C-alpha atoms as a PDB file:
ATOM      1  CA  MET A   1     -51.428  15.111  35.149  1.00  0.00           C
ATOM      2  CA  SER A   2     -48.996  16.009  32.575  1.00  0.00           C
ATOM      3  CA  PRO A   3     -46.394  13.736  30.813  1.00  0.00           C
ATOM      4  CA  LEU A   4     -43.909  15.692  31.954  1.00  0.00           C
ATOM      5  CA  ALA A   5     -45.194  16.069  35.453  1.00  0.00           C
ATOM      6  CA  ASP A   6     -44.691  12.033  35.242  1.00  0.00           C
ATOM      7  CA  GLY A   7     -40.934  12.557  34.210  1.00  0.00           C
ATOM      8  CA  LEU A   8     -42.006  10.292  31.120  1.00  0.00           C
ATOM      9  CA  ILE A   9     -40.642  12.646  28.539  1.00  0.00           C
ATOM     10  CA  VAL A  10     -37.350  14.012  29.199  1.00  0.00           C
ATOM     11  CA  PRO A  11     -37.220  18.569  28.935  1.00  0.00           C
ATOM     12  CA  ALA A  12     -35.139  19.369  26.404  1.00  0.00           C
ATOM     13  CA  ARG A  13     -33.170  21.162  28.947  1.00  0.00           C
ATOM     14  CA  ASP A  14     -31.988  17.770  30.425  1.00  0.00           C
ATOM     15  CA  LEU A  15     -31.305  16.295  26.800  1.00  0.00           C
ATOM     16  CA  PRO A  16     -27.480  16.672  27.695  1.00  0.00           C
ATOM     17  CA  GLN A  17     -26.937  15.183  30.850  1.00  0.00           C
ATOM     18  CA  LEU A  18     -29.644  12.204  29.526  1.00  0.00           C
ATOM     19  CA  ALA A  19     -26.884  12.153  26.683  1.00  0.00           C
ATOM     20  CA  GLU A  20     -24.261  11.644  28.970  1.00  0.00           C
ATOM     21  CA  ILE A  21     -26.239   8.838  30.858  1.00  0.00           C
ATOM     22  CA  ILE A  22     -26.529   6.889  27.979  1.00  0.00           C
ATOM     23  CA  GLN A  23     -23.153   7.302  27.058  1.00  0.00           C
ATOM     24  CA  LEU A  24     -22.359   6.041  30.841  1.00  0.00           C
ATOM     25  CA  ALA A  25     -24.744   3.005  30.087  1.00  0.00           C
ATOM     26  CA  VAL A  26     -22.864   1.899  26.651  1.00  0.00           C
ATOM     27  CA  ALA A  27     -19.838   0.633  28.591  1.00  0.00           C
ATOM     28  CA  PRO A  28     -22.078  -2.097  30.706  1.00  0.00           C
ATOM     29  CA  VAL A  29     -24.001  -3.120  27.539  1.00  0.00           C
ATOM     30  CA  PHE A  30     -20.821  -3.898  25.988  1.00  0.00           C
ATOM     31  CA  LEU A  31     -19.489  -5.699  28.867  1.00  0.00           C
ATOM     32  CA  LEU A  32     -22.922  -7.538  28.683  1.00  0.00           C
ATOM     33  CA  ALA A  33     -22.482  -8.433  25.233  1.00  0.00           C
ATOM     34  CA  GLY A  34     -19.006  -9.949  26.241  1.00  0.00           C
ATOM     35  CA  LEU A  35     -20.564 -11.829  28.713  1.00  0.00           C
ATOM     36  CA  GLY A  36     -23.269 -13.355  26.477  1.00  0.00           C
ATOM     37  CA  ALA A  37     -20.382 -14.290  24.278  1.00  0.00           C
ATOM     38  CA  PHE A  38     -18.806 -16.177  27.268  1.00  0.00           C
ATOM     39  CA  LEU A  39     -21.867 -17.774  28.218  1.00  0.00           C
ATOM     40  CA  ASN A  40     -22.169 -19.099  24.409  1.00  0.00           C
ATOM     41  CA  VAL A  41     -18.388 -20.406  25.206  1.00  0.00           C
ATOM     42  CA  CYS A  42     -19.465 -21.927  28.107  1.00  0.00           C
ATOM     43  CA  ALA A  43     -23.104 -23.416  27.159  1.00  0.00           C
ATOM     44  CA  GLY A  44     -21.256 -25.153  24.221  1.00  0.00           C
ATOM     45  CA  ARG A  45     -18.290 -26.748  26.715  1.00  0.00           C
ATOM     46  CA  LEU A  46     -21.242 -27.914  29.135  1.00  0.00           C
ATOM     47  CA  ALA A  47     -23.011 -29.854  25.891  1.00  0.00           C
ATOM     48  CA  ARG A  48     -19.812 -31.248  25.040  1.00  0.00           C
ATOM     49  CA  ILE A  49     -18.988 -32.875  28.386  1.00  0.00           C
ATOM     50  CA  VAL A  50     -22.546 -33.861  29.091  1.00  0.00           C
ATOM     51  CA  ASP A  51     -22.681 -35.841  25.459  1.00  0.00           C
ATOM     52  CA  ARG A  52     -19.193 -37.854  26.368  1.00  0.00           C
ATOM     53  CA  ALA A  53     -20.455 -38.153  30.029  1.00  0.00           C
ATOM     54  CA  ARG A  54     -23.743 -39.841  28.076  1.00  0.00           C
ATOM     55  CA  ARG A  55     -21.498 -42.146  25.774  1.00  0.00           C
ATOM     56  CA  VAL A  56     -19.574 -42.998  28.648  1.00  0.00           C
ATOM     57  CA  GLU A  57     -22.042 -43.941  30.788  1.00  0.00           C
ATOM     58  CA  GLU A  58     -23.524 -46.405  28.160  1.00  0.00           C
ATOM     59  CA  ARG A  59     -19.940 -48.202  27.782  1.00  0.00           C
ATOM     60  CA  ILE A  60     -19.416 -48.653  32.083  1.00  0.00           C
ATOM     61  CA  LEU A  61     -22.597 -50.939  31.905  1.00  0.00           C
ATOM     62  CA  ALA A  62     -21.260 -52.967  29.022  1.00  0.00           C
ATOM     63  CA  THR A  63     -17.323 -53.581  30.418  1.00  0.00           C
ATOM     64  CA  ARG A  64     -15.606 -55.232  33.046  1.00  0.00           C
ATOM     65  CA  GLY A  65     -12.415 -54.945  34.916  1.00  0.00           C
ATOM     66  CA  SER A  66      -9.967 -52.246  34.084  1.00  0.00           C
ATOM     67  CA  GLU A  67     -11.558 -50.827  31.134  1.00  0.00           C
ATOM     68  CA  HIS A  68     -14.897 -50.448  33.457  1.00  0.00           C
ATOM     69  CA  ASP A  69     -12.530 -48.435  36.036  1.00  0.00           C
ATOM     70  CA  ARG A  70     -11.281 -46.209  33.155  1.00  0.00           C
ATOM     71  CA  HIS A  71     -14.704 -45.684  32.352  1.00  0.00           C
ATOM     72  CA  VAL A  72     -16.102 -45.009  35.790  1.00  0.00           C
ATOM     73  CA  ALA A  73     -13.036 -42.552  36.775  1.00  0.00           C
ATOM     74  CA  GLU A  74     -13.718 -40.778  33.157  1.00  0.00           C
ATOM     75  CA  VAL A  75     -17.298 -40.230  34.432  1.00  0.00           C
ATOM     76  CA  ARG A  76     -16.447 -38.742  37.814  1.00  0.00           C
ATOM     77  CA  VAL A  77     -13.801 -36.337  35.990  1.00  0.00           C
ATOM     78  CA  LEU A  78     -16.885 -35.524  33.457  1.00  0.00           C
ATOM     79  CA  ASP A  79     -19.082 -34.942  36.472  1.00  0.00           C
ATOM     80  CA  ARG A  80     -17.021 -32.719  38.252  1.00  0.00           C
ATOM     81  CA  ARG A  81     -16.391 -30.609  34.823  1.00  0.00           C
ATOM     82  CA  ILE A  82     -19.891 -30.747  34.492  1.00  0.00           C
ATOM     83  CA  ARG A  83     -20.474 -28.757  38.158  1.00  0.00           C
ATOM     84  CA  THR A  84     -17.628 -26.760  37.337  1.00  0.00           C
ATOM     85  CA  VAL A  85     -18.899 -25.541  34.131  1.00  0.00           C
ATOM     86  CA  ASN A  86     -22.390 -25.046  35.762  1.00  0.00           C
ATOM     87  CA  ALA A  87     -20.652 -22.612  38.749  1.00  0.00           C
ATOM     88  CA  ALA A  88     -18.931 -20.322  35.747  1.00  0.00           C
ATOM     89  CA  ILE A  89     -21.999 -20.386  34.365  1.00  0.00           C
ATOM     90  CA  PHE A  90     -24.043 -18.681  37.476  1.00  0.00           C
ATOM     91  CA  ALA A  91     -21.163 -16.587  38.644  1.00  0.00           C
ATOM     92  CA  THR A  92     -21.509 -14.780  34.605  1.00  0.00           C
ATOM     93  CA  VAL A  93     -25.309 -14.819  34.791  1.00  0.00           C
ATOM     94  CA  LEU A  94     -25.080 -13.076  37.892  1.00  0.00           C
ATOM     95  CA  ALA A  95     -22.804 -10.881  36.703  1.00  0.00           C
ATOM     96  CA  ALA A  96     -24.775  -9.936  33.884  1.00  0.00           C
ATOM     97  CA  LEU A  97     -27.596  -9.628  36.366  1.00  0.00           C
ATOM     98  CA  LEU A  98     -25.626  -6.898  38.189  1.00  0.00           C
ATOM     99  CA  ILE A  99     -24.578  -4.916  35.127  1.00  0.00           C
ATOM    100  CA  SER A 100     -28.665  -4.911  34.085  1.00  0.00           C
ATOM    101  CA  ALA A 101     -28.855  -3.588  37.482  1.00  0.00           C
ATOM    102  CA  VAL A 102     -26.442  -0.954  37.149  1.00  0.00           C
ATOM    103  CA  VAL A 103     -28.091   0.397  34.003  1.00  0.00           C
ATOM    104  CA  ILE A 104     -31.136   0.455  35.443  1.00  0.00           C
ATOM    105  CA  LEU A 105     -29.976   2.207  38.318  1.00  0.00           C
ATOM    106  CA  LEU A 106     -28.371   4.653  36.004  1.00  0.00           C
ATOM    107  CA  PHE A 107     -31.395   5.799  34.180  1.00  0.00           C
ATOM    108  CA  ALA A 108     -33.195   5.801  37.376  1.00  0.00           C
ATOM    109  CA  ALA A 109     -31.006   8.280  39.187  1.00  0.00           C
ATOM    110  CA  PHE A 110     -31.307  10.466  36.334  1.00  0.00           C
ATOM    111  CA  LEU A 111     -35.361  10.251  36.222  1.00  0.00           C
ATOM    112  CA  THR A 112     -35.783  10.606  39.619  1.00  0.00           C
ATOM    113  CA  SER A 113     -33.019  12.633  40.946  1.00  0.00           C
ATOM    114  CA  VAL A 114     -32.469  10.314  43.633  1.00  0.00           C
ATOM    115  CA  PRO A 115     -28.655   9.974  44.539  1.00  0.00           C
ATOM    116  CA  LEU A 116     -27.594   6.387  43.494  1.00  0.00           C
ATOM    117  CA  GLY A 117     -24.117   6.790  42.765  1.00  0.00           C
ATOM    118  CA  ALA A 118     -23.055   4.818  45.788  1.00  0.00           C
ATOM    119  CA  ALA A 119     -25.450   2.195  45.170  1.00  0.00           C
ATOM    120  CA  ILE A 120     -24.070   2.440  41.717  1.00  0.00           C
ATOM    121  CA  ALA A 121     -20.323   1.686  42.164  1.00  0.00           C
ATOM    122  CA  VAL A 122     -21.259  -1.092  44.941  1.00  0.00           C
ATOM    123  CA  LEU A 123     -23.139  -3.125  42.039  1.00  0.00           C
ATOM    124  CA  PHE A 124     -20.627  -2.465  39.567  1.00  0.00           C
ATOM    125  CA  ILE A 125     -17.874  -4.035  41.925  1.00  0.00           C
ATOM    126  CA  ALA A 126     -19.905  -6.813  42.395  1.00  0.00           C
ATOM    127  CA  ALA A 127     -20.858  -7.518  38.826  1.00  0.00           C
ATOM    128  CA  MET A 128     -16.374  -7.303  38.165  1.00  0.00           C
ATOM    129  CA  LEU A 129     -15.954  -9.640  41.557  1.00  0.00           C
ATOM    130  CA  ALA A 130     -18.507 -11.960  39.645  1.00  0.00           C
ATOM    131  CA  THR A 131     -17.164 -11.700  36.275  1.00  0.00           C
ATOM    132  CA  GLY A 132     -13.773 -12.648  37.619  1.00  0.00           C
ATOM    133  CA  THR A 133     -15.488 -15.359  39.591  1.00  0.00           C
ATOM    134  CA  GLY A 134     -16.686 -17.086  36.392  1.00  0.00           C
ATOM    135  CA  PHE A 135     -13.630 -16.399  34.599  1.00  0.00           C
ATOM    136  CA  ALA A 136     -11.654 -17.871  37.273  1.00  0.00           C
ATOM    137  CA  ILE A 137     -13.860 -20.859  37.463  1.00  0.00           C
ATOM    138  CA  PHE A 138     -13.850 -21.389  33.371  1.00  0.00           C
ATOM    139  CA  LEU A 139      -9.858 -21.458  33.947  1.00  0.00           C
ATOM    140  CA  HIS A 140     -10.257 -24.112  36.198  1.00  0.00           C
ATOM    141  CA  GLU A 141     -12.394 -26.250  34.400  1.00  0.00           C
ATOM    142  CA  THR A 142      -9.818 -25.842  31.689  1.00  0.00           C
ATOM    143  CA  ARG A 143      -7.530 -27.266  33.560  1.00  0.00           C
ATOM    144  CA  ILE A 144      -9.063 -30.038  34.955  1.00  0.00           C
ATOM    145  CA  ALA A 145     -10.189 -30.926  31.140  1.00  0.00           C
ATOM    146  CA  SER A 146      -6.406 -30.994  30.581  1.00  0.00           C
ATOM    147  CA  ARG A 147      -4.987 -32.705  33.354  1.00  0.00           C
ATOM    148  CA  SER A 148      -7.946 -35.260  32.405  1.00  0.00           C
ATOM    149  CA  VAL A 149      -6.934 -36.121  29.177  1.00  0.00           C
ATOM    150  CA  ARG A 150      -3.788 -38.827  29.151  1.00  0.00           C
ATOM    151  CA  ILE A 151      -3.302 -40.923  26.377  1.00  0.00           C
ATOM    152  CA  ARG A 152      -3.068 -44.571  27.178  1.00  0.00           C
ATOM    153  CA  ASN A 153       0.498 -46.013  26.633  1.00  0.00           C
ATOM    154  CA  ALA A 154      -1.618 -49.048  25.261  1.00  0.00           C
ATOM    155  CA  ILE A 155      -2.152 -46.671  22.327  1.00  0.00           C
ATOM    156  CA  LEU A 156       0.911 -44.979  22.194  1.00  0.00           C
ATOM    157  CA  ASP A 157       3.179 -48.104  21.803  1.00  0.00           C
ATOM    158  CA  HIS A 158       0.971 -49.512  19.068  1.00  0.00           C
ATOM    159  CA  GLU A 159       2.215 -50.362  16.050  1.00  0.00           C
ATOM    160  CA  ALA A 160       0.540 -51.506  13.160  1.00  0.00           C
ATOM    161  CA  GLU A 161       1.351 -54.907  11.705  1.00  0.00           C
ATOM    162  CA  GLU A 162       2.854 -55.051   8.549  1.00  0.00           C
ATOM    163  CA  GLU A 163       0.949 -56.543   5.803  1.00  0.00           C
ATOM    164  CA  GLY A 164       1.804 -59.343   4.799  1.00  0.00           C
END
């Protein structure tokens, strides 16, 4: 069987259509690059939260009273933030997988002449939903973080002693 019969080599008459498919695939590929950058931001944020949680965990065992309670409360917020960032990462990776499936199906439809337009559209819609979900979860995590940063009155009211 020849490579042409296998569909591995595209006949010259189909090159314009292949060029069009490649053009259609470029936008999702750029979207993948953007999702990768967003995942990098999420991973960096997660690493900082985990590092902070580890530092606070060490202090919990060494403190008592209100200081201990403050550290426990902070670790609870950090744990919630870790779970939230992980959810954003999950949704974003799901979006990337769906976008990858869109690109694969674009080429599969071209190579096989199977009408996959509806499946491609549904996958793209699902990818956009997952992307939006990932961004929304990330926004929620940033709100949790900003609400949890409270400077204690003891620090705000502190005045340095005058040198004598």
